[in-house]
Structures are given as structure tokens and as C-alpha cells.
């Protein structure tokens, strides 16, 4: 915890799914049907979908005759239509609302329209800056999305605190040089990580000063 308790940050960057909201049930409903149509082992496949762009997940499979971009676009439409059960992570709505508008961003592997739909379903007001799948040529675990978010906020990624939940996103934040806090609210099993971990946002408090953003209420 000392890595995030003892310093001020220029900005906070938040992954979306699994970090500030839970969309696992909805996402897995859609991907289960898709995996079944393509003859995949659903139980083995589902854990691999989180934290990455849909098009990258599909490309990685190397399925013969499958157009990854077309399949990803169709999946996105299905996911936009099904936001049943999408809800905020505990304490996220109030914590995000307290942040200075120009000092935070959402950085998600979801396409922009899907991000809008899920944020609305969770009752989260989006910030001025939302970096989505369309904004980068290479998604997580590459650092491009976090580097872009920091640049657009006018700061260095090394001065940012990234809130993440999935391995691909954690790797992206590490590669960008950012400090990482891992949100474990949707984890079914403990994750071995050298980073600070947070069960949610209930007890977090924000101190915003001239030197940057600081967190209090850690370790509860």
C-alpha cells in the first residue's frame, strides 16, 4: 500500500469492466453463445475474454475462416443490447464523482458505444476523457491506451495511478510506467500481484491539492 499511500498523483486512470463496474454476467452470456457457435470449450475460453479488446481476443484464437473484425462488431452490438445485471463496484459512483473533472479518465478495451451503454446502466457519469478500443491501434496488454490517456490529460503516465483488475490491463499499465492499484471486487480467487489491492472504493477518500491527488482510507 505504501506505493500509493505515500505519494500524490497527477491523474487517476480507471479501467472500466471489473474495475469501476461489473459486467461479467452480461459479457459471459454473450461470449458463451459465441463460443458455443464456434465449437470452443466454453469453460476454458471465458476466463480469457476479460481486459482485452474483442477483436484481439478473436484474432488470438486463429479460427479458420473467421473475420475477427466482423465477429467483434457483431458481438459488440449484442453486448450493447444486453446490459442486464451491470452494476457499479461498491463505492465507485461516489468516489468518481468527487474527482476533479480534468484529473481522471476511463481507459477501456470496450468500444465507445458499449462503454456508454455499460456506464449508463451502472449509473456512472463518464468523465470528459474516455479512451476506448477505437482510439488505439494496439490494445491491452500494450501500453498505448494508458500512454494516450496521460498525454491527453497533459501529464506523464509515470505520474498516474492506474486502477485495474485484469492481467492484460495490469501489464499495459506496468508497460506505461504507471503505478497500479488492483481492484479485486470481481475476483473469484486471490491474485498474486506485487501491486496494492483494493476490494472496492467504499472506504477510499480523496485529497486533491496543488501537488496532485492523494488517497486516504487505504487498508480498510
C-alpha atoms as a PDB file:
ATOM      1  CA  UNK A   1       0.000   0.000   0.000  1.00  0.00           C
ATOM      2  CA  UNK A   2       2.910   2.363   0.627  1.00  0.00           C
ATOM      3  CA  UNK A   3       3.382   2.809  -3.120  1.00  0.00           C
ATOM      4  CA  UNK A   4       0.035   4.570  -3.372  1.00  0.00           C
ATOM      5  CA  UNK A   5      -0.408   5.920   0.167  1.00  0.00           C
ATOM      6  CA  UNK A   6       2.755   7.994   0.304  1.00  0.00           C
ATOM      7  CA  UNK A   7       2.575   9.985  -2.910  1.00  0.00           C
ATOM      8  CA  UNK A   8       0.491  12.400  -4.910  1.00  0.00           C
ATOM      9  CA  UNK A   9      -0.511  11.568  -8.477  1.00  0.00           C
ATOM     10  CA  UNK A  10      -1.078  13.863 -11.426  1.00  0.00           C
ATOM     11  CA  UNK A  11      -4.136  11.867 -12.506  1.00  0.00           C
ATOM     12  CA  UNK A  12      -6.128   8.698 -11.903  1.00  0.00           C
ATOM     13  CA  UNK A  13      -6.814   6.346 -14.828  1.00  0.00           C
ATOM     14  CA  UNK A  14      -9.523   3.708 -14.485  1.00  0.00           C
ATOM     15  CA  UNK A  15     -10.177   0.568 -16.436  1.00  0.00           C
ATOM     16  CA  UNK A  16     -13.946   0.052 -16.732  1.00  0.00           C
ATOM     17  CA  UNK A  17     -15.169  -3.568 -16.677  1.00  0.00           C
ATOM     18  CA  UNK A  18     -14.322  -5.262 -13.397  1.00  0.00           C
ATOM     19  CA  UNK A  19     -12.759  -2.097 -12.015  1.00  0.00           C
ATOM     20  CA  UNK A  20     -15.477   0.545 -11.650  1.00  0.00           C
ATOM     21  CA  UNK A  21     -18.389  -1.621 -12.762  1.00  0.00           C
ATOM     22  CA  UNK A  22     -19.193  -5.298 -13.026  1.00  0.00           C
ATOM     23  CA  UNK A  23     -20.392  -6.540 -16.401  1.00  0.00           C
ATOM     24  CA  UNK A  24     -19.205 -10.119 -16.033  1.00  0.00           C
ATOM     25  CA  UNK A  25     -22.636 -11.750 -16.158  1.00  0.00           C
ATOM     26  CA  UNK A  26     -23.689  -9.841 -19.273  1.00  0.00           C
ATOM     27  CA  UNK A  27     -20.373 -10.318 -21.081  1.00  0.00           C
ATOM     28  CA  UNK A  28     -20.222 -14.013 -20.326  1.00  0.00           C
ATOM     29  CA  UNK A  29     -23.794 -14.556 -21.557  1.00  0.00           C
ATOM     30  CA  UNK A  30     -22.878 -13.104 -24.944  1.00  0.00           C
ATOM     31  CA  UNK A  31     -19.471 -14.744 -25.226  1.00  0.00           C
ATOM     32  CA  UNK A  32     -20.835 -18.133 -24.115  1.00  0.00           C
ATOM     33  CA  UNK A  33     -23.231 -18.163 -27.070  1.00  0.00           C
ATOM     34  CA  UNK A  34     -20.479 -17.049 -29.434  1.00  0.00           C
ATOM     35  CA  UNK A  35     -18.031 -19.667 -28.163  1.00  0.00           C
ATOM     36  CA  UNK A  36     -20.671 -22.370 -28.489  1.00  0.00           C
ATOM     37  CA  UNK A  37     -21.288 -21.466 -32.131  1.00  0.00           C
ATOM     38  CA  UNK A  38     -17.577 -21.821 -32.836  1.00  0.00           C
ATOM     39  CA  UNK A  39     -17.146 -25.125 -31.019  1.00  0.00           C
ATOM     40  CA  UNK A  40     -14.911 -23.775 -28.244  1.00  0.00           C
ATOM     41  CA  UNK A  41     -14.526 -25.180 -24.755  1.00  0.00           C
ATOM     42  CA  UNK A  42     -16.627 -22.515 -23.050  1.00  0.00           C
ATOM     43  CA  UNK A  43     -15.321 -23.084 -19.515  1.00  0.00           C
ATOM     44  CA  UNK A  44     -11.711 -22.793 -20.669  1.00  0.00           C
ATOM     45  CA  UNK A  45     -12.388 -19.882 -23.012  1.00  0.00           C
ATOM     46  CA  UNK A  46     -14.393 -17.487 -20.825  1.00  0.00           C
ATOM     47  CA  UNK A  47     -11.548 -16.553 -18.447  1.00  0.00           C
ATOM     48  CA  UNK A  48      -9.544 -15.319 -21.461  1.00  0.00           C
ATOM     49  CA  UNK A  49     -12.023 -12.657 -22.614  1.00  0.00           C
ATOM     50  CA  UNK A  50     -11.538 -10.130 -19.824  1.00  0.00           C
ATOM     51  CA  UNK A  51      -9.441  -6.995 -20.146  1.00  0.00           C
ATOM     52  CA  UNK A  52      -8.778  -7.176 -23.877  1.00  0.00           C
ATOM     53  CA  UNK A  53     -10.470  -5.833 -26.989  1.00  0.00           C
ATOM     54  CA  UNK A  54     -12.902  -8.332 -28.514  1.00  0.00           C
ATOM     55  CA  UNK A  55     -11.129  -8.182 -31.863  1.00  0.00           C
ATOM     56  CA  UNK A  56      -7.818  -9.103 -30.194  1.00  0.00           C
ATOM     57  CA  UNK A  57      -9.418 -11.978 -28.289  1.00  0.00           C
ATOM     58  CA  UNK A  58     -10.843 -13.392 -31.516  1.00  0.00           C
ATOM     59  CA  UNK A  59      -7.642 -12.885 -33.520  1.00  0.00           C
ATOM     60  CA  UNK A  60      -5.651 -14.700 -30.857  1.00  0.00           C
ATOM     61  CA  UNK A  61      -7.785 -17.812 -31.402  1.00  0.00           C
ATOM     62  CA  UNK A  62      -6.759 -18.081 -35.055  1.00  0.00           C
ATOM     63  CA  UNK A  63     -10.056 -19.686 -36.063  1.00  0.00           C
ATOM     64  CA  UNK A  64     -10.083 -20.676 -39.765  1.00  0.00           C
ATOM     65  CA  UNK A  65     -12.372 -18.559 -41.928  1.00  0.00           C
ATOM     66  CA  UNK A  66     -13.348 -16.190 -39.095  1.00  0.00           C
ATOM     67  CA  UNK A  67     -13.271 -12.452 -39.821  1.00  0.00           C
ATOM     68  CA  UNK A  68     -12.221 -11.070 -36.442  1.00  0.00           C
ATOM     69  CA  UNK A  69     -13.383  -7.510 -37.091  1.00  0.00           C
ATOM     70  CA  UNK A  70     -16.808  -8.599 -38.325  1.00  0.00           C
ATOM     71  CA  UNK A  71     -17.286 -11.006 -35.411  1.00  0.00           C
ATOM     72  CA  UNK A  72     -16.186  -8.375 -32.888  1.00  0.00           C
ATOM     73  CA  UNK A  73     -18.601  -5.829 -34.344  1.00  0.00           C
ATOM     74  CA  UNK A  74     -21.491  -8.292 -34.064  1.00  0.00           C
ATOM     75  CA  UNK A  75     -20.524  -9.183 -30.503  1.00  0.00           C
ATOM     76  CA  UNK A  76     -20.443  -5.501 -29.572  1.00  0.00           C
ATOM     77  CA  UNK A  77     -23.997  -4.993 -30.829  1.00  0.00           C
ATOM     78  CA  UNK A  78     -25.140  -7.979 -28.768  1.00  0.00           C
ATOM     79  CA  UNK A  79     -23.379  -6.621 -25.684  1.00  0.00           C
ATOM     80  CA  UNK A  80     -24.888  -3.151 -26.111  1.00  0.00           C
ATOM     81  CA  UNK A  81     -28.329  -4.750 -26.237  1.00  0.00           C
ATOM     82  CA  UNK A  82     -27.729  -6.771 -23.067  1.00  0.00           C
ATOM     83  CA  UNK A  83     -26.673  -4.753 -20.014  1.00  0.00           C
ATOM     84  CA  UNK A  84     -28.858  -6.681 -17.587  1.00  0.00           C
ATOM     85  CA  UNK A  85     -27.033  -7.037 -14.284  1.00  0.00           C
ATOM     86  CA  UNK A  86     -24.395  -4.389 -14.993  1.00  0.00           C
ATOM     87  CA  UNK A  87     -23.770  -2.566 -11.722  1.00  0.00           C
ATOM     88  CA  UNK A  88     -21.152  -0.307 -10.150  1.00  0.00           C
ATOM     89  CA  UNK A  89     -18.371  -1.624  -7.954  1.00  0.00           C
ATOM     90  CA  UNK A  90     -19.080  -0.732  -4.321  1.00  0.00           C
ATOM     91  CA  UNK A  91     -18.370   2.931  -3.644  1.00  0.00           C
ATOM     92  CA  UNK A  92     -17.323   3.723  -7.225  1.00  0.00           C
ATOM     93  CA  UNK A  93     -20.103   6.180  -8.080  1.00  0.00           C
ATOM     94  CA  UNK A  94     -19.421   8.499  -5.139  1.00  0.00           C
ATOM     95  CA  UNK A  95     -15.640   8.214  -5.404  1.00  0.00           C
ATOM     96  CA  UNK A  96     -15.569   9.042  -9.116  1.00  0.00           C
ATOM     97  CA  UNK A  97     -17.988  11.940  -8.660  1.00  0.00           C
ATOM     98  CA  UNK A  98     -15.567  13.523  -6.182  1.00  0.00           C
ATOM     99  CA  UNK A  99     -12.628  13.573  -8.597  1.00  0.00           C
ATOM    100  CA  UNK A 100     -11.569  16.812 -10.322  1.00  0.00           C
ATOM    101  CA  UNK A 101     -13.012  16.636 -13.835  1.00  0.00           C
ATOM    102  CA  UNK A 102      -9.700  17.233 -15.598  1.00  0.00           C
ATOM    103  CA  UNK A 103      -7.665  14.806 -13.487  1.00  0.00           C
ATOM    104  CA  UNK A 104      -9.146  11.431 -14.378  1.00  0.00           C
ATOM    105  CA  UNK A 105     -10.077   9.257 -17.317  1.00  0.00           C
ATOM    106  CA  UNK A 106     -11.597   5.900 -18.135  1.00  0.00           C
ATOM    107  CA  UNK A 107      -9.362   3.664 -20.258  1.00  0.00           C
ATOM    108  CA  UNK A 108     -11.267   0.635 -21.519  1.00  0.00           C
ATOM    109  CA  UNK A 109     -10.885  -2.133 -24.071  1.00  0.00           C
ATOM    110  CA  UNK A 110     -14.600  -1.810 -24.860  1.00  0.00           C
ATOM    111  CA  UNK A 111     -15.763   0.061 -27.964  1.00  0.00           C
ATOM    112  CA  UNK A 112     -17.142   3.544 -27.300  1.00  0.00           C
ATOM    113  CA  UNK A 113     -20.846   2.721 -27.742  1.00  0.00           C
ATOM    114  CA  UNK A 114     -20.563  -0.283 -25.438  1.00  0.00           C
ATOM    115  CA  UNK A 115     -18.727   1.785 -22.833  1.00  0.00           C
ATOM    116  CA  UNK A 116     -21.519   4.371 -22.922  1.00  0.00           C
ATOM    117  CA  UNK A 117     -24.178   1.680 -22.508  1.00  0.00           C
ATOM    118  CA  UNK A 118     -22.473  -0.005 -19.566  1.00  0.00           C
ATOM    119  CA  UNK A 119     -21.633   3.247 -17.768  1.00  0.00           C
ATOM    120  CA  UNK A 120     -25.251   4.366 -18.114  1.00  0.00           C
ATOM    121  CA  UNK A 121     -26.517   1.014 -16.828  1.00  0.00           C
ATOM    122  CA  UNK A 122     -24.203   1.294 -13.807  1.00  0.00           C
ATOM    123  CA  UNK A 123     -25.228   4.890 -13.094  1.00  0.00           C
ATOM    124  CA  UNK A 124     -21.707   6.222 -13.612  1.00  0.00           C
ATOM    125  CA  UNK A 125     -21.302   9.658 -15.171  1.00  0.00           C
ATOM    126  CA  UNK A 126     -18.426   9.416 -17.652  1.00  0.00           C
ATOM    127  CA  UNK A 127     -15.522  11.866 -17.418  1.00  0.00           C
ATOM    128  CA  UNK A 128     -14.549  14.262 -20.179  1.00  0.00           C
ATOM    129  CA  UNK A 129     -11.907  11.789 -21.348  1.00  0.00           C
ATOM    130  CA  UNK A 130     -12.791   8.184 -22.161  1.00  0.00           C
ATOM    131  CA  UNK A 131     -10.198   6.208 -24.145  1.00  0.00           C
ATOM    132  CA  UNK A 132     -11.817   3.237 -25.891  1.00  0.00           C
ATOM    133  CA  UNK A 133     -10.943   0.403 -28.255  1.00  0.00           C
ATOM    134  CA  UNK A 134     -11.228   2.655 -31.308  1.00  0.00           C
ATOM    135  CA  UNK A 135      -8.604   5.105 -30.041  1.00  0.00           C
ATOM    136  CA  UNK A 136      -5.573   2.820 -30.301  1.00  0.00           C
ATOM    137  CA  UNK A 137      -4.125   0.540 -32.940  1.00  0.00           C
ATOM    138  CA  UNK A 138      -2.924  -1.923 -30.301  1.00  0.00           C
ATOM    139  CA  UNK A 139      -4.991  -2.742 -27.232  1.00  0.00           C
ATOM    140  CA  UNK A 140      -4.044  -4.018 -23.809  1.00  0.00           C
ATOM    141  CA  UNK A 141      -1.619  -5.538 -22.805  1.00  0.00           C
ATOM    142  CA  UNK A 142       0.201  -2.948 -24.926  1.00  0.00           C
ATOM    143  CA  UNK A 143       0.548   0.377 -23.074  1.00  0.00           C
ATOM    144  CA  UNK A 144      -0.786   2.584 -25.881  1.00  0.00           C
ATOM    145  CA  UNK A 145      -4.152   3.321 -24.245  1.00  0.00           C
ATOM    146  CA  UNK A 146      -2.658   4.457 -20.938  1.00  0.00           C
ATOM    147  CA  UNK A 147       0.041   6.496 -22.620  1.00  0.00           C
ATOM    148  CA  UNK A 148      -2.630   8.204 -24.733  1.00  0.00           C
ATOM    149  CA  UNK A 149      -4.856   8.953 -21.738  1.00  0.00           C
ATOM    150  CA  UNK A 150      -1.977  10.507 -19.804  1.00  0.00           C
ATOM    151  CA  UNK A 151      -0.944  12.569 -22.811  1.00  0.00           C
ATOM    152  CA  UNK A 152      -4.469  13.895 -23.312  1.00  0.00           C
ATOM    153  CA  UNK A 153      -4.641  14.846 -19.639  1.00  0.00           C
ATOM    154  CA  UNK A 154      -1.369  16.722 -20.039  1.00  0.00           C
ATOM    155  CA  UNK A 155       0.752  14.551 -17.786  1.00  0.00           C
ATOM    156  CA  UNK A 156       3.226  11.672 -17.837  1.00  0.00           C
ATOM    157  CA  UNK A 157       1.918   8.134 -17.344  1.00  0.00           C
ATOM    158  CA  UNK A 158       4.648   7.634 -14.743  1.00  0.00           C
ATOM    159  CA  UNK A 159       2.858  10.226 -12.602  1.00  0.00           C
ATOM    160  CA  UNK A 160      -0.508   8.450 -12.849  1.00  0.00           C
ATOM    161  CA  UNK A 161      -2.237   5.857 -10.698  1.00  0.00           C
ATOM    162  CA  UNK A 162      -3.993   3.202 -12.757  1.00  0.00           C
ATOM    163  CA  UNK A 163      -6.887   1.197 -11.298  1.00  0.00           C
ATOM    164  CA  UNK A 164      -7.112  -2.203 -12.994  1.00  0.00           C
ATOM    165  CA  UNK A 165      -8.470  -5.686 -12.392  1.00  0.00           C
ATOM    166  CA  UNK A 166      -7.310  -7.967 -15.221  1.00  0.00           C
ATOM    167  CA  UNK A 167      -3.820  -9.237 -16.128  1.00  0.00           C
ATOM    168  CA  UNK A 168      -3.829  -7.668 -19.604  1.00  0.00           C
ATOM    169  CA  UNK A 169      -4.677  -4.249 -18.200  1.00  0.00           C
ATOM    170  CA  UNK A 170      -2.172  -4.551 -15.376  1.00  0.00           C
ATOM    171  CA  UNK A 171       0.527  -5.397 -17.921  1.00  0.00           C
ATOM    172  CA  UNK A 172      -0.479  -2.379 -20.013  1.00  0.00           C
ATOM    173  CA  UNK A 173      -0.243  -0.051 -17.029  1.00  0.00           C
ATOM    174  CA  UNK A 174       3.119  -1.503 -15.997  1.00  0.00           C
ATOM    175  CA  UNK A 175       4.459  -1.081 -19.523  1.00  0.00           C
ATOM    176  CA  UNK A 176       3.323   2.550 -19.490  1.00  0.00           C
ATOM    177  CA  UNK A 177       5.336   3.102 -16.312  1.00  0.00           C
ATOM    178  CA  UNK A 178       2.309   3.908 -14.156  1.00  0.00           C
ATOM    179  CA  UNK A 179       1.701   2.936 -10.548  1.00  0.00           C
ATOM    180  CA  UNK A 180      -1.002   0.258 -10.300  1.00  0.00           C
ATOM    181  CA  UNK A 181      -3.785  -0.484  -7.837  1.00  0.00           C
ATOM    182  CA  UNK A 182      -5.580  -3.777  -8.431  1.00  0.00           C
ATOM    183  CA  UNK A 183      -9.336  -3.794  -7.753  1.00  0.00           C
ATOM    184  CA  UNK A 184     -10.325  -7.282  -6.602  1.00  0.00           C
ATOM    185  CA  UNK A 185     -14.103  -6.837  -6.253  1.00  0.00           C
ATOM    186  CA  UNK A 186     -14.931  -9.256  -9.076  1.00  0.00           C
ATOM    187  CA  UNK A 187     -12.098 -11.736  -8.488  1.00  0.00           C
ATOM    188  CA  UNK A 188     -13.209 -15.248  -7.618  1.00  0.00           C
ATOM    189  CA  UNK A 189      -9.714 -16.238  -6.493  1.00  0.00           C
ATOM    190  CA  UNK A 190      -6.843 -14.274  -4.939  1.00  0.00           C
ATOM    191  CA  UNK A 191      -4.463 -12.777  -7.488  1.00  0.00           C
ATOM    192  CA  UNK A 192      -0.731 -12.921  -6.865  1.00  0.00           C
ATOM    193  CA  UNK A 193       0.431  -9.358  -7.529  1.00  0.00           C
ATOM    194  CA  UNK A 194       3.151  -7.025  -6.272  1.00  0.00           C
ATOM    195  CA  UNK A 195       0.712  -4.113  -6.512  1.00  0.00           C
ATOM    196  CA  UNK A 196      -1.598  -2.617  -3.919  1.00  0.00           C
ATOM    197  CA  UNK A 197      -5.030  -4.252  -3.883  1.00  0.00           C
ATOM    198  CA  UNK A 198      -8.426  -2.695  -3.190  1.00  0.00           C
ATOM    199  CA  UNK A 199     -11.648  -4.596  -2.533  1.00  0.00           C
ATOM    200  CA  UNK A 200     -13.652  -1.591  -3.730  1.00  0.00           C
ATOM    201  CA  UNK A 201     -13.998   2.154  -3.269  1.00  0.00           C
ATOM    202  CA  UNK A 202     -16.193   2.301  -0.157  1.00  0.00           C
ATOM    203  CA  UNK A 203     -13.524   3.468   2.245  1.00  0.00           C
ATOM    204  CA  UNK A 204     -11.355   5.466  -0.119  1.00  0.00           C
ATOM    205  CA  UNK A 205     -11.170   9.198   0.379  1.00  0.00           C
ATOM    206  CA  UNK A 206      -9.630  11.776  -1.905  1.00  0.00           C
ATOM    207  CA  UNK A 207      -7.360  14.682  -1.049  1.00  0.00           C
ATOM    208  CA  UNK A 208      -6.803  16.988  -4.003  1.00  0.00           C
ATOM    209  CA  UNK A 209      -4.116  19.632  -3.615  1.00  0.00           C
ATOM    210  CA  UNK A 210      -1.661  21.639  -5.625  1.00  0.00           C
ATOM    211  CA  UNK A 211       0.744  18.695  -5.572  1.00  0.00           C
ATOM    212  CA  UNK A 212      -1.849  16.307  -7.032  1.00  0.00           C
ATOM    213  CA  UNK A 213      -4.310  13.633  -5.947  1.00  0.00           C
ATOM    214  CA  UNK A 214      -3.800  11.567  -2.796  1.00  0.00           C
ATOM    215  CA  UNK A 215      -5.729   8.612  -1.403  1.00  0.00           C
ATOM    216  CA  UNK A 216      -6.664   8.067   2.209  1.00  0.00           C
ATOM    217  CA  UNK A 217      -8.726   5.324   3.824  1.00  0.00           C
ATOM    218  CA  UNK A 218      -6.429   2.607   2.476  1.00  0.00           C
ATOM    219  CA  UNK A 219      -6.064  -0.738   4.142  1.00  0.00           C
ATOM    220  CA  UNK A 220      -9.677  -0.926   5.344  1.00  0.00           C
END
